[in-house]
Amino acid sequence: MSLAVQAFLHIIAVILIALTALPLRTRGVALALLGAACALLAYAWPVITS
């Protein structure tokens, strides 16, 4: 189960970082920072849940 959550967070991070390349208006939400935070959470998930 832990790997499934970690994989999901990595996929969300990749999608968010890819969306930053598109000319979208996000009204103050930095998608790159949100993607980086999601990637960091995915990386640290085993430590958080142990």
Protein backbone atom coordinates (compact mmCIF):
# COMPACT_ATOMS: atom_id res chain seq x y z
CA MET A 1 0.00 0.00 0.00
CA SER A 2 2.85 2.37 0.80
CA LEU A 3 4.33 1.98 -2.68
CA ALA A 4 0.99 2.74 -4.27
CA VAL A 5 0.70 6.02 -2.39
CA GLN A 6 4.31 6.88 -3.18
CA ALA A 7 3.79 6.15 -6.89
CA PHE A 8 0.61 8.22 -6.94
CA LEU A 9 2.42 11.19 -5.38
CA HIS A 10 5.24 10.90 -7.93
CA ILE A 11 2.74 10.85 -10.80
CA ILE A 12 0.98 13.95 -9.44
CA ALA A 13 4.35 15.68 -9.06
CA VAL A 14 5.32 14.93 -12.67
CA ILE A 15 1.95 16.16 -13.95
CA LEU A 16 2.19 19.39 -11.96
CA ILE A 17 5.75 20.07 -13.09
CA ALA A 18 4.79 19.34 -16.72
CA LEU A 19 1.85 21.74 -16.45
CA THR A 20 4.23 24.58 -15.58
CA ALA A 21 5.55 24.47 -19.15
CA LEU A 22 2.11 25.38 -20.48
CA PRO A 23 0.99 29.01 -20.57
CA LEU A 24 -1.74 28.63 -17.94
CA ARG A 25 -2.90 31.26 -15.49
CA THR A 26 -3.13 29.79 -12.00
CA ARG A 27 -3.98 32.89 -9.91
CA GLY A 28 -1.10 32.83 -7.46
CA VAL A 29 -0.65 29.07 -7.20
CA ALA A 30 2.87 28.12 -8.27
CA LEU A 31 2.45 24.72 -9.91
CA ALA A 32 6.20 24.10 -9.94
CA LEU A 33 6.44 24.61 -6.19
CA LEU A 34 3.40 22.46 -5.61
CA GLY A 35 4.90 19.74 -7.81
CA ALA A 36 8.22 19.95 -5.99
CA ALA A 37 6.48 19.69 -2.63
CA CYS A 38 4.54 16.66 -3.85
CA ALA A 39 7.77 15.03 -5.09
CA LEU A 40 9.45 15.69 -1.74
CA LEU A 41 6.47 14.18 0.07
CA ALA A 42 6.66 11.10 -2.17
CA TYR A 43 10.38 10.77 -1.53
CA ALA A 44 9.91 11.03 2.25
CA TRP A 45 6.75 8.87 2.40
CA PRO A 46 8.48 5.73 3.75
CA VAL A 47 10.03 7.74 6.58
CA ILE A 48 6.76 9.49 7.40
CA THR A 49 4.73 6.30 7.52
CA SER A 50 7.22 4.13 9.43
